[in-house]
Amino acid sequence: MHPQSFRRADEGKIPDFSFVPDTPSSRTVRGYTAMHANYEYGTDNLLDLSHIEFVHRGTFAGQGVIFAGKHSARQDGETLHSDWFMPGISPPSVAYGRYPPDALVDHWLDMRWNAPASMRLLVGVCPHGQPRETGFELPQAHILTPASEHETHYFWSTTRYHDLTSPETDAMLTKLFGEAFDLEDKPMIEAAYANVRGQDFWAQKPVSLGIDQGGTRARRLIEKLIRDEQTEPAA
């Protein structure tokens, strides 16, 4: 292939994951999961966080708090947002130790997606009815890279702003996230993909429940970007 046929990456389109490197005020734990499934099935899972209540009963499940909230999805250019907001609930597990058990808090899960499968999740809690800045927010990275049509590299990270020199906290988070992704997410995603492997996704006439629209929009946007790329002349 002639060198001029390669496209030069536009660095301005690289999503912001600046929270991942450790700083004097933050600490990031990283991990990896290999999935025997097409990467878009991992995207479907991450853009519909209601699955937490069913799939992550041993790790992240929130005793139904997600369904006490409201889901919204929106598109900003080529960036998708699939968010949950849960106002006036008891403190979720991520807030244990920060708020008394009888407190009322607002809780949010804000997921940002950029093609092909780079996602940032903001997990936040603040006192009920107060600005978000009065609480705390923990960012996570969820980045899927195709290994082949039927296999995916899943890289993840979670960043915190406390216990920065605690190996015990590192170990706890590594174990918790590892169990969630390797023992809970992975079997479910792989089983779902095995049912349709080698078949056209849309030909299966998938049913959207509204909360699925994040994954559906991502698939449609990926298809559009591929079509646009195939019809544009190489730089």
Protein backbone atom coordinates (compact mmCIF):
# COMPACT_ATOMS: atom_id res chain seq x y z
CA MET A 1 0.00 0.00 0.00
CA HIS A 2 1.32 3.42 -0.94
CA PRO A 3 2.16 5.57 2.14
CA GLN A 4 -0.13 8.34 0.90
CA SER A 5 -3.11 5.99 1.13
CA PHE A 6 -2.86 5.89 4.94
CA ARG A 7 -4.95 8.32 6.93
CA ARG A 8 -3.30 10.50 9.53
CA ALA A 9 -5.04 10.32 12.91
CA ASP A 10 -6.72 13.52 14.04
CA GLU A 11 -5.39 13.98 17.57
CA GLY A 12 -8.20 16.43 18.28
CA LYS A 13 -10.68 13.53 18.11
CA ILE A 14 -8.96 11.44 20.78
CA PRO A 15 -11.42 11.17 23.72
CA ASP A 16 -10.29 12.64 27.03
CA PHE A 17 -9.02 9.93 29.39
CA SER A 18 -6.63 12.22 31.23
CA PHE A 19 -7.76 10.79 34.58
CA VAL A 20 -6.04 7.44 33.91
CA PRO A 21 -2.40 8.32 34.74
CA ASP A 22 -1.64 8.48 38.46
CA THR A 23 -1.14 11.97 39.93
CA PRO A 24 -0.27 13.22 43.41
CA SER A 25 -4.04 13.44 44.10
CA SER A 26 -5.31 10.31 42.33
CA ARG A 27 -4.67 6.60 42.01
CA THR A 28 -5.79 4.37 39.11
CA VAL A 29 -6.20 0.59 39.11
CA ARG A 30 -6.17 -1.10 35.70
CA GLY A 31 -7.28 -4.47 34.40
CA TYR A 32 -7.94 -6.57 31.32
CA THR A 33 -10.49 -9.15 30.21
CA ALA A 34 -10.41 -11.26 27.03
CA MET A 35 -13.88 -11.89 25.60
CA HIS A 36 -14.92 -14.44 22.98
CA ALA A 37 -17.44 -12.08 21.44
CA ASN A 38 -17.60 -9.28 18.92
CA TYR A 39 -16.70 -5.93 20.48
CA GLU A 40 -20.09 -4.37 19.73
CA TYR A 41 -21.73 -6.80 22.14
CA GLY A 42 -19.49 -5.43 24.86
CA THR A 43 -20.58 -1.93 23.88
CA ASP A 44 -24.24 -2.98 24.11
CA ASN A 45 -23.60 -4.16 27.66
CA LEU A 46 -21.80 -1.02 28.81
CA LEU A 47 -24.26 1.42 27.28
CA ASP A 48 -27.16 -0.26 29.09
CA LEU A 49 -26.12 -0.03 32.73
CA SER A 50 -29.47 -1.35 33.93
CA HIS A 51 -27.80 -4.76 33.55
CA ILE A 52 -25.99 -4.01 36.82
CA GLU A 53 -29.11 -4.93 38.78
CA PHE A 54 -29.33 -8.36 37.17
CA VAL A 55 -25.80 -9.38 36.21
CA HIS A 56 -23.73 -7.89 39.04
CA ARG A 57 -25.61 -9.22 42.05
CA GLY A 58 -22.36 -10.34 43.65
CA THR A 59 -20.48 -7.08 43.07
CA PHE A 60 -22.11 -3.79 42.00
CA ALA A 61 -25.87 -4.46 42.26
CA GLY A 62 -27.71 -1.54 43.81
CA GLN A 63 -30.79 -3.20 45.26
CA GLY A 64 -32.95 -1.72 42.54
CA VAL A 65 -31.75 1.88 42.87
CA ILE A 66 -31.09 2.21 39.13
CA PHE A 67 -34.76 1.62 38.39
CA ALA A 68 -35.65 4.31 40.91
CA GLY A 69 -34.01 6.75 38.53
CA LYS A 70 -34.30 7.95 34.97
CA HIS A 71 -32.32 7.02 31.88
CA SER A 72 -31.44 9.46 29.10
CA ALA A 73 -29.50 9.14 25.86
CA ARG A 74 -28.25 11.92 23.63
CA GLN A 75 -25.80 12.48 20.82
CA ASP A 76 -23.32 15.35 20.60
CA GLY A 77 -21.69 15.16 17.19
CA GLU A 78 -19.99 11.77 17.07
CA THR A 79 -20.13 11.35 20.86
CA LEU A 80 -22.94 9.42 22.53
CA HIS A 81 -24.08 9.78 26.14
CA SER A 82 -26.10 7.13 27.98
CA ASP A 83 -26.79 8.35 31.52
CA TRP A 84 -28.71 7.34 34.64
CA PHE A 85 -29.77 9.78 37.37
CA MET A 86 -31.16 8.51 40.67
CA PRO A 87 -32.27 11.34 43.00
CA GLY A 88 -33.25 11.05 46.66
CA ILE A 89 -32.04 7.51 47.35
CA SER A 90 -30.15 5.89 50.23
CA PRO A 91 -26.37 5.95 49.76
CA PRO A 92 -25.26 3.32 47.21
CA SER A 93 -22.35 1.01 47.99
CA VAL A 94 -19.85 3.36 46.33
CA ALA A 95 -20.75 5.98 48.98
CA TYR A 96 -20.43 3.75 52.05
CA GLY A 97 -18.38 5.55 54.68
CA ARG A 98 -18.95 8.94 53.08
CA TYR A 99 -22.62 9.40 54.04
CA PRO A 100 -24.63 7.98 56.96
CA PRO A 101 -26.95 5.09 56.03
CA ASP A 102 -30.08 7.21 56.64
CA ALA A 103 -28.92 10.07 54.39
CA LEU A 104 -30.63 10.96 51.12
CA VAL A 105 -28.32 11.38 48.16
CA ASP A 106 -28.42 11.90 44.41
CA HIS A 107 -26.54 9.28 42.42
CA TRP A 108 -25.49 9.36 38.76
CA LEU A 109 -23.90 7.06 36.21
CA ASP A 110 -22.81 9.05 33.14
CA MET A 111 -21.44 6.99 30.25
CA ARG A 112 -19.70 8.63 27.29
CA TRP A 113 -19.05 6.65 24.09
CA ASN A 114 -16.74 7.44 21.17
CA ALA A 115 -16.17 5.27 18.13
CA PRO A 116 -15.28 2.57 17.83
CA ALA A 117 -15.64 1.53 21.48
CA SER A 118 -13.96 3.93 23.90
CA MET A 119 -16.12 4.67 26.93
CA ARG A 120 -15.76 6.79 30.06
CA LEU A 121 -18.07 6.22 33.02
CA LEU A 122 -18.51 8.82 35.76
CA VAL A 123 -19.89 7.38 39.01
CA GLY A 124 -21.02 10.15 41.31
CA VAL A 125 -22.89 10.86 44.55
CA CYS A 126 -23.84 14.13 46.25
CA PRO A 127 -26.29 15.26 48.97
CA HIS A 128 -29.86 15.21 47.68
CA GLY A 129 -30.79 18.38 45.83
CA GLN A 130 -27.30 19.87 46.03
CA PRO A 131 -24.90 20.66 43.15
CA ARG A 132 -22.78 17.76 42.03
CA GLU A 133 -19.67 19.64 43.09
CA THR A 134 -20.70 19.15 46.75
CA GLY A 135 -20.24 15.40 46.43
CA PHE A 136 -17.68 13.19 44.71
CA GLU A 137 -17.20 11.54 41.33
CA LEU A 138 -15.08 8.54 40.37
CA PRO A 139 -14.12 8.06 36.69
CA GLN A 140 -13.69 4.75 34.94
CA ALA A 141 -12.34 3.84 31.50
CA HIS A 142 -13.86 1.01 29.46
CA ILE A 143 -12.06 0.52 26.15
CA LEU A 144 -12.79 -2.37 23.79
CA THR A 145 -10.39 -3.34 21.00
CA PRO A 146 -11.28 -6.06 18.47
CA ALA A 147 -8.81 -8.95 18.44
CA SER A 148 -10.77 -10.50 15.58
CA GLU A 149 -14.35 -10.52 14.36
CA HIS A 150 -15.24 -12.85 17.23
CA GLU A 151 -12.82 -11.83 20.00
CA THR A 152 -12.28 -8.64 21.98
CA HIS A 153 -9.64 -7.11 24.24
CA TYR A 154 -11.41 -5.32 27.11
CA PHE A 155 -9.23 -2.80 28.97
CA TRP A 156 -10.65 -1.09 32.04
CA SER A 157 -9.56 1.25 34.80
CA THR A 158 -11.03 2.88 37.89
CA THR A 159 -9.64 6.05 39.46
CA ARG A 160 -10.00 7.21 43.07
CA TYR A 161 -8.98 10.29 45.06
CA HIS A 162 -8.55 8.69 48.47
CA ASP A 163 -6.34 5.99 50.04
CA LEU A 164 -3.72 6.79 47.45
CA THR A 165 -0.97 4.74 49.06
CA SER A 166 -3.12 1.79 50.12
CA PRO A 167 -2.16 -1.56 48.51
CA GLU A 168 -5.17 -3.07 50.30
CA THR A 169 -7.53 -0.74 48.42
CA ASP A 170 -5.76 -1.57 45.15
CA ALA A 171 -6.21 -5.28 45.83
CA MET A 172 -9.85 -4.89 46.84
CA LEU A 173 -10.73 -2.93 43.69
CA THR A 174 -8.76 -5.28 41.43
CA LYS A 175 -10.62 -8.26 42.91
CA LEU A 176 -14.04 -6.55 42.77
CA PHE A 177 -13.75 -5.36 39.18
CA GLY A 178 -12.09 -8.59 38.07
CA GLU A 179 -14.99 -10.62 39.45
CA ALA A 180 -17.55 -8.27 37.91
CA PHE A 181 -16.08 -8.43 34.42
CA ASP A 182 -14.59 -11.94 34.32
CA LEU A 183 -17.23 -13.86 36.28
CA GLU A 184 -20.40 -11.85 35.66
CA ASP A 185 -20.21 -9.77 32.45
CA LYS A 186 -18.03 -12.06 30.34
CA PRO A 187 -20.15 -15.27 30.52
CA MET A 188 -23.33 -13.33 29.78
CA ILE A 189 -21.87 -11.46 26.80
CA GLU A 190 -20.22 -14.55 25.36
CA ALA A 191 -23.41 -16.61 25.70
CA ALA A 192 -25.47 -13.91 24.01
CA TYR A 193 -22.97 -13.64 21.16
CA ALA A 194 -22.76 -17.41 20.70
CA ASN A 195 -26.48 -17.42 19.87
CA VAL A 196 -25.99 -15.13 16.87
CA ARG A 197 -22.34 -15.64 15.91
CA GLY A 198 -21.87 -15.25 12.15
CA GLN A 199 -25.33 -13.78 11.62
CA ASP A 200 -26.32 -10.23 10.74
CA PHE A 201 -27.30 -8.35 13.90
CA TRP A 202 -30.23 -6.42 12.41
CA ALA A 203 -31.56 -9.50 10.62
CA GLN A 204 -32.31 -10.92 14.08
CA LYS A 205 -34.85 -8.08 14.56
CA PRO A 206 -33.63 -7.11 18.06
CA VAL A 207 -36.24 -5.56 20.35
CA SER A 208 -35.26 -2.23 21.90
CA LEU A 209 -36.63 -1.48 25.37
CA GLY A 210 -35.70 2.19 25.38
CA ILE A 211 -32.85 1.71 27.82
CA ASP A 212 -31.13 -0.19 24.97
CA GLN A 213 -31.00 2.89 22.76
CA GLY A 214 -27.40 3.72 23.70
CA GLY A 215 -26.10 0.52 22.14
CA THR A 216 -28.47 0.81 19.19
CA ARG A 217 -27.33 4.35 18.45
CA ALA A 218 -23.68 3.31 18.73
CA ARG A 219 -24.20 0.54 16.18
CA ARG A 220 -25.94 2.92 13.76
CA LEU A 221 -23.22 5.54 14.17
CA ILE A 222 -20.46 2.96 13.61
CA GLU A 223 -22.18 1.88 10.38
CA LYS A 224 -22.40 5.49 9.21
CA LEU A 225 -18.75 6.22 10.02
CA ILE A 226 -17.67 3.11 8.11
CA ARG A 227 -19.73 4.10 5.09
CA ASP A 228 -18.32 7.64 5.19
CA GLU A 229 -14.77 6.35 5.47
CA GLN A 230 -15.20 3.95 2.56
CA THR A 231 -16.50 6.69 0.27
CA GLU A 232 -13.95 9.38 1.21
CA PRO A 233 -10.68 9.60 -0.72
CA ALA A 234 -7.60 8.64 1.30
CA ALA A 235 -5.52 11.55 2.55
